[in-house]
Amino acid sequence: MHSSPPAQAPPVREPLHAPVAHVIRGAVIEGVHYGSVVVLGADGHVGLRLGDIEAAFFPRSALKPLQAVAMVRAGLPLDGGLLSLAAASHSGEERHLAGTRRILELAGLTEDDLRNVPDLPYDPAVRDAWVREGRMPSRLAQNCSGKHAAMLHTCRLNGWSLEDYLDPAHPLQQVIAGTVEDLTGQRVAHVTVDGCGAPLFAVSLHGLARAAARLTTAAPGSPEARVAGAMREHAEMASGSGRDVAALMRAVPGLLAKDGFEGVQTAALPDGRAVAVKIADGANRARIPVAAAALARAGVDPALLAGFAGETLLGGGEPVGRVRPVRALAPAQLTARA
């Protein structure tokens, strides 16, 4: 657990975002993505900040590893692929559905006990196949079902009520809120409802990066280390085949990475170096190239990140430009401490 009480909650204000990526077409800046970026050194110092890293914001699914840690602290016995699935924004592949069913079976429950919203699979190809087969939206297919199944399993183990497990006042959600505050080192600024129906906690981008570093530097066998290890070893269970976040973890040895809707990305290395990104307009095309550039600023070999440089723009079917991080994120500008 954290050695000192959490600091005060981050301020709720309009974020003072800055340019983080340019949309380049024909050598002209056609568009600008604003956002915020923080890079932490191994000792926790801020090596780079762009935009507003201290304002309260919603991490969306980038909070799932912290939620999984809370459940392991509360006795959730999962490991390996099933624990990775508990922290997942999965693609809805059959392995994800089968894993979620298995978690429910271990708790003596079924899909009917889930309280997340029914949806089609997240991955476009999987979703298209699902529709062609005439399958309807389901709670199992929704990308947060692994987390919800793990929440139910945790409740069953602790004798907590099942029907209201998504209520912010429920013992499970109180444990999760406390873990979020412990790992981020700050009080939660606001609580709302995430897309899946679970409580969502507002923290700062800086706090989210600290939490990612807490997971990767934790003592072996601790809940934090168990979650981090499961996600790294089973990256496709935490996301899906062909997903960029899984590819990023495979490309950089020891990296723990988690994405979130509305342009959120975190990544942390075993020595505690960590980055967190928020794209202001939620654009997915800017998320990974900005995160990759931030990792290069943190000292990751740029050659390992070459496949994450940014989406190519087409004109007449031919490449004419790219989504490119701003110059402030260039590795050549690393400070002596980074």
Protein backbone atom coordinates (compact mmCIF):
# COMPACT_ATOMS: atom_id res chain seq x y z
CA MET A 1 0.00 0.00 0.00
CA HIS A 2 1.00 3.65 -0.42
CA SER A 3 3.21 4.90 2.41
CA SER A 4 1.48 8.28 2.79
CA PRO A 5 -2.10 9.57 2.50
CA PRO A 6 -3.23 10.65 -0.96
CA ALA A 7 -2.76 14.30 -1.87
CA GLN A 8 -5.71 16.56 -2.52
CA ALA A 9 -7.86 15.92 -5.58
CA PRO A 10 -6.79 17.50 -8.87
CA PRO A 11 -8.72 20.62 -9.87
CA VAL A 12 -11.82 20.30 -12.04
CA ARG A 13 -11.31 22.91 -14.74
CA GLU A 14 -11.14 23.37 -18.49
CA PRO A 15 -7.86 21.63 -19.42
CA LEU A 16 -5.18 23.85 -20.89
CA HIS A 17 -4.26 21.44 -23.69
CA ALA A 18 -1.43 22.10 -26.15
CA PRO A 19 -0.68 20.89 -29.70
CA VAL A 20 0.61 17.31 -29.54
CA ALA A 21 0.25 16.10 -33.15
CA HIS A 22 0.06 17.61 -36.63
CA VAL A 23 -1.88 16.23 -39.57
CA ILE A 24 0.57 16.75 -42.43
CA ARG A 25 -0.70 16.62 -46.02
CA GLY A 26 1.65 17.53 -48.84
CA ALA A 27 4.15 19.12 -46.43
CA VAL A 28 1.44 21.48 -45.10
CA ILE A 29 -0.14 21.25 -41.64
CA GLU A 30 -3.74 20.44 -42.47
CA GLY A 31 -4.89 19.88 -38.90
CA VAL A 32 -3.74 19.96 -35.29
CA HIS A 33 -4.59 17.55 -32.48
CA TYR A 34 -4.42 19.13 -29.04
CA GLY A 35 -3.88 17.21 -25.86
CA SER A 36 -1.65 16.66 -22.86
CA VAL A 37 1.38 14.42 -22.32
CA VAL A 38 3.48 13.55 -19.28
CA VAL A 39 6.74 11.60 -19.21
CA LEU A 40 8.06 10.37 -15.86
CA GLY A 41 11.63 9.33 -15.17
CA ALA A 42 12.50 6.21 -13.21
CA ASP A 43 12.70 8.29 -10.03
CA GLY A 44 9.22 9.73 -10.60
CA HIS A 45 10.34 13.19 -11.73
CA VAL A 46 8.48 14.85 -14.59
CA GLY A 47 10.87 14.71 -17.54
CA LEU A 48 8.40 16.25 -19.97
CA ARG A 49 5.02 17.89 -19.76
CA LEU A 50 2.86 19.20 -22.56
CA GLY A 51 -0.53 20.73 -21.99
CA ASP A 52 -2.30 20.30 -18.66
CA ILE A 53 -1.18 17.22 -16.74
CA GLU A 54 -2.67 18.27 -13.39
CA ALA A 55 -6.33 18.92 -14.30
CA ALA A 56 -8.92 16.28 -13.43
CA PHE A 57 -9.94 14.07 -16.33
CA PHE A 58 -11.53 10.66 -16.89
CA PRO A 59 -9.01 7.92 -17.81
CA ARG A 60 -11.82 5.74 -19.17
CA SER A 61 -10.57 2.18 -19.75
CA ALA A 62 -6.97 3.15 -18.93
CA LEU A 63 -8.21 2.84 -15.34
CA LYS A 64 -8.90 -0.90 -15.71
CA PRO A 65 -5.49 -2.12 -14.51
CA LEU A 66 -6.07 -0.20 -11.27
CA GLN A 67 -9.54 -1.70 -10.93
CA ALA A 68 -8.02 -5.15 -11.43
CA VAL A 69 -5.41 -4.46 -8.72
CA ALA A 70 -8.21 -3.50 -6.35
CA MET A 71 -10.00 -6.78 -7.03
CA VAL A 72 -6.83 -8.83 -6.49
CA ARG A 73 -6.29 -6.97 -3.23
CA ALA A 74 -9.83 -7.98 -2.29
CA GLY A 75 -9.06 -11.64 -2.91
CA LEU A 76 -9.69 -12.24 -6.63
CA PRO A 77 -7.66 -15.42 -7.31
CA LEU A 78 -7.28 -15.07 -11.09
CA ASP A 79 -3.93 -15.24 -12.85
CA GLY A 80 -2.61 -15.42 -16.40
CA GLY A 81 -4.99 -14.83 -19.27
CA LEU A 82 -8.07 -14.55 -17.06
CA LEU A 83 -6.49 -11.84 -14.93
CA SER A 84 -5.44 -10.00 -18.08
CA LEU A 85 -9.05 -10.25 -19.25
CA ALA A 86 -10.20 -8.72 -15.96
CA ALA A 87 -8.24 -5.58 -16.96
CA ALA A 88 -9.25 -5.73 -20.60
CA SER A 89 -10.96 -3.64 -23.21
CA HIS A 90 -11.29 -6.75 -25.32
CA SER A 91 -12.16 -7.11 -28.99
CA GLY A 92 -14.98 -9.61 -28.56
CA GLU A 93 -13.06 -12.54 -30.03
CA GLU A 94 -14.16 -16.05 -29.07
CA ARG A 95 -11.24 -16.38 -26.63
CA HIS A 96 -12.49 -13.26 -24.81
CA LEU A 97 -16.03 -14.57 -24.61
CA ALA A 98 -14.83 -17.99 -23.44
CA GLY A 99 -12.59 -16.40 -20.81
CA THR A 100 -15.42 -14.26 -19.49
CA ARG A 101 -17.69 -17.30 -19.27
CA ARG A 102 -14.94 -19.10 -17.34
CA ILE A 103 -14.65 -16.29 -14.79
CA LEU A 104 -18.42 -16.37 -14.31
CA GLU A 105 -18.35 -20.17 -13.95
CA LEU A 106 -15.68 -19.92 -11.25
CA ALA A 107 -18.06 -17.63 -9.36
CA GLY A 108 -21.05 -19.91 -9.95
CA LEU A 109 -22.70 -17.23 -12.11
CA THR A 110 -23.87 -16.73 -15.69
CA GLU A 111 -24.05 -13.97 -18.29
CA ASP A 112 -27.44 -13.00 -16.86
CA ASP A 113 -25.69 -11.73 -13.72
CA LEU A 114 -23.65 -9.18 -15.67
CA ARG A 115 -24.80 -5.54 -15.45
CA ASN A 116 -22.68 -4.03 -18.24
CA VAL A 117 -24.52 -2.76 -21.31
CA PRO A 118 -25.16 -5.18 -24.21
CA ASP A 119 -23.08 -4.41 -27.28
CA LEU A 120 -21.54 -5.87 -30.41
CA PRO A 121 -17.83 -6.83 -30.40
CA TYR A 122 -15.40 -3.91 -30.46
CA ASP A 123 -13.16 -5.19 -33.26
CA PRO A 124 -14.63 -4.20 -36.66
CA ALA A 125 -13.88 -7.52 -38.36
CA VAL A 126 -15.24 -9.53 -35.44
CA ARG A 127 -18.29 -7.26 -35.29
CA ASP A 128 -18.96 -7.65 -39.02
CA ALA A 129 -18.76 -11.45 -38.75
CA TRP A 130 -21.06 -11.34 -35.72
CA VAL A 131 -23.66 -9.35 -37.70
CA ARG A 132 -23.39 -11.63 -40.74
CA GLU A 133 -24.14 -14.58 -38.48
CA GLY A 134 -27.25 -12.82 -37.19
CA ARG A 135 -25.96 -12.54 -33.64
CA MET A 136 -27.40 -9.78 -31.47
CA PRO A 137 -25.65 -7.41 -29.03
CA SER A 138 -24.86 -9.10 -25.73
CA ARG A 139 -23.32 -8.27 -22.37
CA LEU A 140 -20.70 -10.96 -23.00
CA ALA A 141 -19.55 -9.34 -26.26
CA GLN A 142 -19.24 -5.85 -24.80
CA ASN A 143 -15.56 -4.93 -24.38
CA CYS A 144 -15.73 -4.58 -20.57
CA SER A 145 -17.35 -7.95 -19.85
CA GLY A 146 -14.15 -9.47 -18.44
CA LYS A 147 -13.89 -6.69 -15.89
CA HIS A 148 -17.55 -7.06 -14.94
CA ALA A 149 -17.25 -10.82 -14.56
CA ALA A 150 -14.23 -10.30 -12.31
CA MET A 151 -16.18 -7.74 -10.29
CA LEU A 152 -18.94 -10.28 -9.73
CA HIS A 153 -16.38 -12.97 -8.80
CA THR A 154 -14.82 -10.59 -6.26
CA CYS A 155 -18.23 -9.83 -4.78
CA ARG A 156 -19.14 -13.51 -4.50
CA LEU A 157 -15.85 -14.28 -2.72
CA ASN A 158 -16.42 -11.50 -0.19
CA GLY A 159 -20.10 -12.13 0.39
CA TRP A 160 -21.06 -8.77 -1.11
CA SER A 161 -24.36 -8.25 -2.91
CA LEU A 162 -24.37 -8.90 -6.65
CA GLU A 163 -27.35 -6.97 -7.99
CA ASP A 164 -25.96 -3.53 -7.09
CA TYR A 165 -22.23 -4.12 -7.65
CA LEU A 166 -22.05 -1.02 -9.88
CA ASP A 167 -23.36 1.35 -7.21
CA PRO A 168 -20.52 3.74 -6.18
CA ALA A 169 -21.48 3.08 -2.55
CA HIS A 170 -21.08 -0.70 -2.95
CA PRO A 171 -18.19 -2.22 -0.94
CA LEU A 172 -16.47 -3.32 -4.17
CA GLN A 173 -16.54 0.16 -5.66
CA GLN A 174 -15.33 1.65 -2.39
CA VAL A 175 -12.35 -0.72 -2.48
CA ILE A 176 -11.68 0.29 -6.10
CA ALA A 177 -11.91 4.01 -5.29
CA GLY A 178 -9.46 3.57 -2.42
CA THR A 179 -7.03 1.68 -4.66
CA VAL A 180 -7.25 4.37 -7.35
CA GLU A 181 -6.38 6.99 -4.73
CA ASP A 182 -3.56 4.85 -3.35
CA LEU A 183 -1.94 4.15 -6.71
CA THR A 184 -2.36 7.65 -8.19
CA GLY A 185 -1.35 9.31 -4.92
CA GLN A 186 -4.28 11.73 -5.01
CA ARG A 187 -7.92 11.94 -4.03
CA VAL A 188 -10.55 11.25 -6.66
CA ALA A 189 -11.87 14.56 -7.99
CA HIS A 190 -15.23 13.38 -9.30
CA VAL A 191 -17.21 10.18 -9.86
CA THR A 192 -19.46 9.51 -12.85
CA VAL A 193 -20.57 6.48 -14.89
CA ASP A 194 -18.39 4.93 -17.60
CA GLY A 195 -19.83 3.70 -20.89
CA CYS A 196 -20.17 0.14 -19.55
CA GLY A 197 -22.09 1.29 -16.48
CA ALA A 198 -19.28 1.03 -13.90
CA PRO A 199 -18.25 3.97 -11.71
CA LEU A 200 -15.55 6.11 -13.30
CA PHE A 201 -13.11 8.15 -11.23
CA ALA A 202 -11.53 11.46 -12.26
CA VAL A 203 -7.80 11.82 -11.54
CA SER A 204 -4.99 13.78 -13.21
CA LEU A 205 -2.86 12.62 -16.12
CA HIS A 206 0.16 12.94 -13.82
CA GLY A 207 -1.54 10.72 -11.25
CA LEU A 208 -2.41 8.13 -13.88
CA ALA A 209 1.23 7.95 -14.99
CA ARG A 210 2.31 7.50 -11.36
CA ALA A 211 -0.15 4.63 -11.01
CA ALA A 212 1.18 2.90 -14.13
CA ALA A 213 4.70 3.13 -12.69
CA ARG A 214 3.47 1.71 -9.37
CA LEU A 215 2.29 -1.41 -11.19
CA THR A 216 5.50 -2.06 -13.09
CA THR A 217 7.82 -1.45 -10.13
CA ALA A 218 5.84 -3.41 -7.54
CA ALA A 219 7.33 -6.28 -5.58
CA PRO A 220 7.01 -9.71 -7.20
CA GLY A 221 3.84 -11.48 -6.15
CA SER A 222 2.05 -8.28 -5.13
CA PRO A 223 -1.39 -7.54 -6.64
CA GLU A 224 0.18 -4.79 -8.74
CA ALA A 225 2.89 -7.07 -10.10
CA ARG A 226 0.39 -9.86 -10.77
CA VAL A 227 -1.83 -7.59 -12.86
CA ALA A 228 1.10 -6.07 -14.75
CA GLY A 229 2.61 -9.48 -15.45
CA ALA A 230 -0.66 -10.97 -16.64
CA MET A 231 -1.29 -8.09 -19.04
CA ARG A 232 2.22 -8.19 -20.47
CA GLU A 233 2.24 -11.97 -20.89
CA HIS A 234 -1.28 -12.08 -22.33
CA ALA A 235 -1.46 -8.80 -24.24
CA GLU A 236 -4.08 -10.09 -26.67
CA MET A 237 -6.39 -11.00 -23.79
CA ALA A 238 -6.13 -7.42 -22.50
CA SER A 239 -7.00 -6.09 -25.96
CA GLY A 240 -7.20 -8.30 -29.05
CA SER A 241 -5.52 -9.64 -32.16
CA GLY A 242 -4.26 -6.80 -34.31
CA ARG A 243 -4.80 -4.13 -31.65
CA ASP A 244 -2.10 -1.47 -31.47
CA VAL A 245 -1.76 -1.60 -27.68
CA ALA A 246 -0.92 -5.33 -27.81
CA ALA A 247 1.57 -4.72 -30.61
CA LEU A 248 3.20 -1.95 -28.56
CA MET A 249 3.68 -4.29 -25.58
CA ARG A 250 5.18 -6.94 -27.85
CA ALA A 251 7.54 -4.42 -29.46
CA VAL A 252 9.01 -2.96 -26.25
CA PRO A 253 10.36 -5.52 -23.77
CA GLY A 254 8.74 -5.27 -20.35
CA LEU A 255 6.27 -2.56 -21.35
CA LEU A 256 2.83 -2.39 -19.73
CA ALA A 257 0.36 -0.40 -21.83
CA LYS A 258 -3.36 0.31 -21.62
CA ASP A 259 -5.58 2.42 -23.82
CA GLY A 260 -8.87 4.15 -23.08
CA PHE A 261 -11.66 5.73 -25.07
CA GLU A 262 -11.43 9.44 -25.86
CA GLY A 263 -7.75 9.30 -26.75
CA VAL A 264 -6.18 8.03 -23.52
CA GLN A 265 -2.99 5.93 -23.41
CA THR A 266 -0.66 4.91 -20.61
CA ALA A 267 2.59 2.94 -20.78
CA ALA A 268 5.20 2.07 -18.16
CA LEU A 269 8.54 0.28 -18.11
CA PRO A 270 9.89 -2.05 -15.41
CA ASP A 271 12.22 0.62 -13.99
CA GLY A 272 9.34 3.05 -13.38
CA ARG A 273 9.62 5.25 -16.46
CA ALA A 274 6.07 5.99 -17.53
CA VAL A 275 4.04 8.07 -19.96
CA ALA A 276 0.41 9.11 -20.11
CA VAL A 277 -1.40 10.75 -23.01
CA LYS A 278 -4.79 12.40 -23.44
CA ILE A 279 -5.86 13.55 -26.90
CA ALA A 280 -8.28 16.45 -26.39
CA ASP A 281 -10.68 15.60 -29.22
CA GLY A 282 -10.56 11.88 -28.49
CA ALA A 283 -9.00 11.11 -31.87
CA ASN A 284 -7.68 7.58 -31.92
CA ARG A 285 -5.30 8.30 -34.82
CA ALA A 286 -3.20 10.61 -32.65
CA ARG A 287 -3.12 8.42 -29.52
CA ILE A 288 -0.49 5.82 -30.44
CA PRO A 289 1.99 8.03 -32.38
CA VAL A 290 1.99 10.57 -29.53
CA ALA A 291 2.43 7.80 -26.95
CA ALA A 292 5.26 6.26 -28.99
CA ALA A 293 6.98 9.63 -29.22
CA ALA A 294 6.59 10.08 -25.47
CA LEU A 295 8.17 6.65 -24.90
CA ALA A 296 11.10 7.67 -27.09
CA ARG A 297 11.45 10.79 -24.93
CA ALA A 298 11.50 8.45 -21.92
CA GLY A 299 14.51 6.68 -23.44
CA VAL A 300 12.99 3.75 -25.35
CA ASP A 301 14.98 2.91 -28.48
CA PRO A 302 13.16 4.69 -31.35
CA ALA A 303 13.86 1.68 -33.58
CA LEU A 304 11.48 -0.37 -31.40
CA LEU A 305 8.79 2.25 -31.97
CA ALA A 306 9.15 2.63 -35.74
CA GLY A 307 5.90 0.80 -36.40
CA PHE A 308 3.92 3.31 -34.35
CA ALA A 309 4.99 6.51 -36.11
CA GLY A 310 1.52 7.60 -37.19
CA GLU A 311 -1.25 6.99 -39.69
CA THR A 312 -0.41 7.56 -43.34
CA LEU A 313 -2.69 9.99 -45.21
CA LEU A 314 -3.70 9.10 -48.75
CA GLY A 315 -4.38 11.26 -51.77
CA GLY A 316 -5.68 9.51 -54.88
CA GLY A 317 -4.76 6.23 -53.21
CA GLU A 318 -1.13 7.26 -52.73
CA PRO A 319 0.67 8.35 -49.52
CA VAL A 320 0.76 12.15 -49.28
CA GLY A 321 1.21 12.79 -45.58
CA ARG A 322 1.12 11.52 -42.03
CA VAL A 323 -0.15 12.17 -38.53
CA ARG A 324 3.05 13.27 -36.80
CA PRO A 325 3.81 14.18 -33.17
CA VAL A 326 4.91 17.78 -32.61
CA ARG A 327 8.62 18.63 -32.49
CA ALA A 328 8.52 19.06 -28.71
CA LEU A 329 8.21 15.27 -28.49
CA ALA A 330 11.28 14.57 -30.63
CA PRO A 331 13.76 12.21 -28.87
CA ALA A 332 16.66 14.52 -29.80
CA GLN A 333 15.35 17.02 -27.29
CA LEU A 334 15.77 14.70 -24.32
CA THR A 335 17.06 16.47 -21.26
CA ALA A 336 20.05 15.18 -19.33
CA ARG A 337 17.72 13.67 -16.69
CA ALA A 338 15.35 11.88 -19.09
